[in-house]
Amino acid sequence: MSETLPASGPSIGEMLSATVPMVRTLNLEYEQITAERAVVLLPDQPAFHNHVGGPHAGAMFTLAESASGAIVLAAFGDQLSRAVPLAVRAEIAYSKLAMGPVTATAELGRPAADVVAELDAGTRPEFPVEVSISRADGAETARMSIVWTLRPNK
């Protein structure tokens, strides 16, 4: 991407659904997206179940990564003319059995202003996004940490 997000027009969730095939494949639903928090739902779909009838670990990973991407676009969309956001690495821990629909809630691990200040200083900043995945009953089933960067355009 080399342009800023429009002030009006499609929402970040609509844009991601239109441009990222995996988002459409999993039928992800963007419930909330701000620069501070993104909430994305993976509906319960038998086509994406694992051997015990819950959402497959790969679908949950994609859910969490998609929530992190949404918050990154919300927080740094105004920087797209000079940098592209890229996921650098991710770690996920599955803690409880997930059944039914699951929701990923993503939060930036550093203030956005600090990340932009590093970009302004000519460096390639890295920053974490922390994501909690929970069942409909509120129990956390997984936690993911994704490190993102803003790679300056050449």
Protein backbone atom coordinates (compact mmCIF):
# COMPACT_ATOMS: atom_id res chain seq x y z
CA MET A 1 0.00 0.00 0.00
CA SER A 2 1.36 3.39 -0.86
CA GLU A 3 -1.52 5.72 -0.12
CA THR A 4 -3.24 6.84 3.02
CA LEU A 5 -6.62 5.50 3.99
CA PRO A 6 -9.43 7.78 2.80
CA ALA A 7 -11.16 9.95 5.39
CA SER A 8 -14.46 8.69 4.03
CA GLY A 9 -15.24 5.54 2.14
CA PRO A 10 -14.99 1.92 3.17
CA SER A 11 -14.19 1.07 6.77
CA ILE A 12 -10.98 -0.77 7.63
CA GLY A 13 -12.99 -3.96 8.11
CA GLU A 14 -14.66 -3.55 4.70
CA MET A 15 -11.29 -2.83 3.09
CA LEU A 16 -9.68 -5.91 4.66
CA SER A 17 -12.63 -8.08 3.66
CA ALA A 18 -12.36 -6.82 0.09
CA THR A 19 -8.57 -7.14 -0.26
CA VAL A 20 -7.52 -10.11 1.90
CA PRO A 21 -8.90 -13.40 0.55
CA MET A 22 -8.37 -15.28 3.84
CA VAL A 23 -10.60 -12.80 5.69
CA ARG A 24 -13.41 -13.62 3.25
CA THR A 25 -12.66 -17.35 3.38
CA LEU A 26 -13.07 -17.45 7.17
CA ASN A 27 -16.01 -14.99 7.12
CA LEU A 28 -14.34 -12.84 9.78
CA GLU A 29 -16.55 -10.14 11.25
CA TYR A 30 -14.96 -6.84 12.30
CA GLU A 31 -16.92 -5.69 15.34
CA GLN A 32 -14.76 -2.77 16.51
CA ILE A 33 -11.67 -1.10 15.10
CA THR A 34 -9.97 1.89 16.68
CA ALA A 35 -6.34 2.92 17.09
CA GLU A 36 -6.52 1.47 20.62
CA ARG A 37 -8.46 -1.75 20.10
CA ALA A 38 -9.69 -4.13 17.42
CA VAL A 39 -12.31 -6.82 18.01
CA VAL A 40 -12.84 -9.50 15.35
CA LEU A 41 -15.19 -12.50 15.44
CA LEU A 42 -14.68 -15.92 13.87
CA PRO A 43 -18.17 -17.45 13.54
CA ASP A 44 -18.64 -21.13 14.36
CA GLN A 45 -18.26 -22.89 11.00
CA PRO A 46 -17.94 -26.68 10.67
CA ALA A 47 -15.72 -26.28 7.60
CA PHE A 48 -13.02 -24.81 9.88
CA HIS A 49 -13.33 -27.21 12.83
CA ASN A 50 -10.53 -29.36 14.19
CA HIS A 51 -10.73 -32.98 15.30
CA VAL A 52 -12.61 -32.10 18.52
CA GLY A 53 -15.24 -29.87 16.89
CA GLY A 54 -13.87 -26.44 17.73
CA PRO A 55 -12.17 -23.86 15.55
CA HIS A 56 -8.93 -25.14 14.00
CA ALA A 57 -5.72 -23.68 15.45
CA GLY A 58 -4.85 -22.24 12.04
CA ALA A 59 -8.19 -20.43 11.85
CA MET A 60 -7.61 -19.02 15.34
CA PHE A 61 -4.10 -17.88 14.35
CA THR A 62 -5.54 -16.13 11.28
CA LEU A 63 -8.26 -14.53 13.41
CA ALA A 64 -5.68 -13.10 15.82
CA GLU A 65 -3.36 -11.94 13.03
CA SER A 66 -6.30 -10.27 11.29
CA ALA A 67 -7.29 -8.41 14.46
CA SER A 68 -3.70 -7.24 14.85
CA GLY A 69 -3.63 -6.03 11.24
CA ALA A 70 -6.83 -4.06 11.76
CA ILE A 71 -5.47 -2.19 14.77
CA VAL A 72 -2.19 -1.52 12.93
CA LEU A 73 -4.11 0.05 10.04
CA ALA A 74 -6.24 2.08 12.44
CA ALA A 75 -3.22 3.33 14.37
CA PHE A 76 -0.86 3.91 11.44
CA GLY A 77 -3.08 4.33 8.38
CA ASP A 78 -1.93 7.94 8.10
CA GLN A 79 1.66 6.69 7.63
CA LEU A 80 0.96 4.48 4.57
CA SER A 81 2.28 7.09 2.15
CA ARG A 82 5.76 6.62 3.63
CA ALA A 83 5.82 3.15 5.20
CA VAL A 84 4.24 -0.27 4.80
CA PRO A 85 3.16 -2.25 7.88
CA LEU A 86 4.49 -5.82 7.95
CA ALA A 87 4.18 -8.61 10.50
CA VAL A 88 7.69 -9.65 11.59
CA ARG A 89 7.01 -12.60 13.89
CA ALA A 90 4.24 -14.08 16.00
CA GLU A 91 3.86 -16.43 18.94
CA ILE A 92 0.61 -18.01 20.04
CA ALA A 93 -0.26 -20.02 23.13
CA TYR A 94 -3.44 -22.10 23.22
CA SER A 95 -4.67 -22.42 26.81
CA LYS A 96 -8.24 -23.77 26.76
CA LEU A 97 -10.45 -25.66 24.38
CA ALA A 98 -12.21 -23.27 22.01
CA MET A 99 -15.72 -24.20 20.97
CA GLY A 100 -18.29 -22.19 19.05
CA PRO A 101 -17.60 -18.66 17.86
CA VAL A 102 -14.39 -17.05 19.11
CA THR A 103 -13.44 -13.40 19.36
CA ALA A 104 -9.99 -11.84 19.08
CA THR A 105 -9.30 -8.57 20.88
CA ALA A 106 -6.09 -6.79 19.84
CA GLU A 107 -4.28 -3.94 21.59
CA LEU A 108 -1.09 -2.09 20.70
CA GLY A 109 1.80 -2.93 23.02
CA ARG A 110 3.42 0.53 22.64
CA PRO A 111 2.03 4.03 22.18
CA ALA A 112 1.54 4.80 18.49
CA ALA A 113 3.21 8.19 18.94
CA ASP A 114 6.44 6.49 20.04
CA VAL A 115 6.41 4.27 16.95
CA VAL A 116 5.83 7.25 14.64
CA ALA A 117 8.63 9.17 16.39
CA GLU A 118 11.04 6.33 15.56
CA LEU A 119 9.85 6.38 11.95
CA ASP A 120 10.36 10.17 11.90
CA ALA A 121 13.91 9.63 13.20
CA GLY A 122 14.67 7.46 10.17
CA THR A 123 14.55 4.04 11.81
CA ARG A 124 12.38 1.02 11.08
CA PRO A 125 10.32 0.73 14.27
CA GLU A 126 9.05 -2.55 15.64
CA PHE A 127 6.11 -2.79 18.01
CA PRO A 128 4.07 -5.60 19.56
CA VAL A 129 0.35 -6.18 19.26
CA GLU A 130 -1.15 -8.33 21.99
CA VAL A 131 -4.23 -10.39 21.13
CA SER A 132 -6.55 -12.34 23.40
CA ILE A 133 -8.88 -14.94 21.87
CA SER A 134 -11.97 -15.86 23.88
CA ARG A 135 -15.05 -18.04 23.67
CA ALA A 136 -18.61 -16.71 23.87
CA ASP A 137 -18.60 -17.40 27.64
CA GLY A 138 -15.64 -15.01 28.03
CA ALA A 139 -13.00 -17.65 28.80
CA GLU A 140 -9.66 -16.90 27.17
CA THR A 141 -8.65 -19.78 24.92
CA ALA A 142 -5.46 -18.38 23.40
CA ARG A 143 -3.06 -15.47 23.56
CA MET A 144 -0.95 -14.19 20.69
CA SER A 145 1.85 -11.65 20.49
CA ILE A 146 2.66 -10.29 17.05
CA VAL A 147 5.60 -8.00 16.36
CA TRP A 148 4.96 -5.57 13.51
CA THR A 149 7.22 -3.08 11.76
CA LEU A 150 6.67 0.00 9.65
CA ARG A 151 9.07 -0.47 6.75
CA PRO A 152 9.90 2.90 5.19
CA ASN A 153 9.13 3.14 1.49
CA LYS A 154 12.17 3.54 -0.70
